Amino acid sequence: VRLQESGPGLVKPSQTLSLTCTVSGYSITRNYYRWSWIRQPPGKGLEWMGAIDWSGNTYYSASLKNRTSVSRDTTKNQFTLQLTSVTPEDTGVYYCGNSVGSWGQGTQVTVSS
């Protein structure tokens, strides 16, 4: 399984961050995987943000659920993250992965005006 994150490297405060994870080698609708987004702010640990499972059910971090949305495009074998009302505290490296330990290489996101 290969996962690749894509999206803008720079986002302005108050805007919405949108990232896409393209999965190859395994269908995101195949039982029973869960597909997740995590992030790592500079100098801090990893933070799980949200996920979507093989049937389309979504799961969110309690601290981010009001700003986070995870969706998918099964025709493209992709899943996406949207994070609204971003602030500089949302700066970090964002990773997509699955529930059996496959992860993308990450993409840097900087929130700055």
Protein backbone atom coordinates (compact mmCIF):
# COMPACT_ATOMS: atom_id res chain seq x y z
CA VAL A 1 0.00 0.00 0.00
CA ARG A 2 1.28 3.45 -0.88
CA LEU A 3 -0.16 6.70 0.39
CA GLN A 4 0.69 10.17 -0.86
CA GLU A 5 -0.46 13.44 0.67
CA SER A 6 -1.05 16.50 -1.49
CA GLY A 7 -2.26 20.01 -0.90
CA PRO A 8 -1.15 23.60 -0.41
CA GLY A 9 1.97 24.19 1.61
CA LEU A 10 0.84 27.63 2.72
CA VAL A 11 -2.57 28.63 4.02
CA LYS A 12 -3.69 31.99 5.37
CA PRO A 13 -5.23 32.29 8.83
CA SER A 14 -9.02 31.82 8.94
CA GLN A 15 -8.98 29.89 5.64
CA THR A 16 -9.82 26.23 5.15
CA LEU A 17 -7.03 23.72 4.69
CA SER A 18 -7.76 20.90 2.26
CA LEU A 19 -5.46 17.91 1.88
CA THR A 20 -5.85 14.82 -0.25
CA CYS A 21 -4.42 11.39 0.33
CA THR A 22 -4.06 9.24 -2.77
CA VAL A 23 -3.92 5.53 -2.03
CA SER A 24 -2.47 2.96 -4.40
CA GLY A 25 -2.20 -0.77 -4.09
CA TYR A 26 -5.30 -1.21 -1.92
CA SER A 27 -8.90 -0.10 -2.23
CA ILE A 28 -10.09 2.27 0.50
CA THR A 29 -13.46 0.50 0.42
CA ARG A 30 -12.01 -2.90 1.15
CA ASN A 31 -12.81 -4.42 4.55
CA TYR A 32 -11.82 -3.50 7.26
CA TYR A 33 -9.31 -0.69 7.15
CA ARG A 34 -9.65 2.74 8.66
CA TRP A 35 -7.93 5.64 6.90
CA SER A 36 -6.62 8.41 9.11
CA TRP A 37 -5.06 11.83 9.24
CA ILE A 38 -2.50 12.79 11.87
CA ARG A 39 -0.27 15.81 12.23
CA GLN A 40 2.84 16.91 14.03
CA PRO A 41 3.29 20.56 14.97
CA PRO A 42 6.89 21.75 15.18
CA GLY A 43 8.52 20.56 18.39
CA LYS A 44 5.45 18.58 19.46
CA GLY A 45 4.16 15.03 19.28
CA LEU A 46 1.82 13.37 16.84
CA GLU A 47 -1.86 14.26 17.01
CA TRP A 48 -4.57 12.08 15.56
CA MET A 49 -7.16 14.20 13.76
CA GLY A 50 -9.78 12.02 12.17
CA ALA A 51 -10.51 9.02 10.02
CA ILE A 52 -12.88 7.36 7.60
CA ASP A 53 -13.40 3.64 7.45
CA TRP A 54 -13.99 1.20 4.61
CA SER A 55 -17.76 1.76 4.75
CA GLY A 56 -17.59 5.55 4.90
CA ASN A 57 -18.10 6.08 8.62
CA THR A 58 -16.12 8.99 10.00
CA TYR A 59 -14.37 9.52 13.33
CA TYR A 60 -12.94 12.71 14.76
CA SER A 61 -10.70 13.91 17.53
CA ALA A 62 -12.79 15.51 20.23
CA SER A 63 -10.58 18.56 20.25
CA LEU A 64 -10.84 19.11 16.48
CA LYS A 65 -14.27 17.74 15.58
CA ASN A 66 -15.82 21.18 15.20
CA ARG A 67 -13.27 22.13 12.53
CA THR A 68 -12.46 18.83 10.85
CA SER A 69 -14.08 16.89 8.06
CA VAL A 70 -12.83 13.69 6.43
CA SER A 71 -14.40 12.50 3.20
CA ARG A 72 -13.52 10.21 0.32
CA ASP A 73 -13.71 9.79 -3.43
CA THR A 74 -13.92 6.10 -4.06
CA THR A 75 -13.64 6.55 -7.83
CA LYS A 76 -10.17 8.02 -7.33
CA ASN A 77 -9.26 5.92 -4.29
CA GLN A 78 -8.61 9.10 -2.34
CA PHE A 79 -9.65 10.50 1.00
CA THR A 80 -9.47 14.10 2.05
CA LEU A 81 -9.09 16.28 5.11
CA GLN A 82 -10.66 19.67 5.53
CA LEU A 83 -9.71 21.83 8.50
CA THR A 84 -11.59 25.11 8.82
CA SER A 85 -10.63 28.39 10.46
CA VAL A 86 -6.94 27.59 10.57
CA THR A 87 -4.54 29.47 12.82
CA PRO A 88 -0.73 29.41 13.06
CA GLU A 89 -1.16 26.64 15.67
CA ASP A 90 -2.27 24.39 12.81
CA THR A 91 1.18 24.60 11.24
CA GLY A 92 2.89 21.24 11.01
CA VAL A 93 3.51 18.12 9.01
CA TYR A 94 0.33 16.29 8.03
CA TYR A 95 0.28 12.56 7.37
CA CYS A 96 -2.27 10.14 6.03
CA GLY A 97 -2.24 6.48 6.87
CA ASN A 98 -4.21 3.36 7.53
CA SER A 99 -5.00 1.19 10.49
CA VAL A 100 -2.32 -1.38 9.71
CA GLY A 101 0.56 1.03 9.86
CA SER A 102 1.08 2.28 6.33
CA TRP A 103 1.73 6.02 6.21
CA GLY A 104 2.57 8.64 3.65
CA GLN A 105 5.75 10.66 3.86
CA GLY A 106 3.89 13.72 5.08
CA THR A 107 3.31 17.18 3.76
CA GLN A 108 4.34 20.43 5.41
CA VAL A 109 1.57 22.94 6.01
CA THR A 110 2.32 26.45 7.19
CA VAL A 111 -0.41 28.82 8.32
CA SER A 112 0.75 32.36 7.87
CA SER A 113 -0.41 35.62 6.38
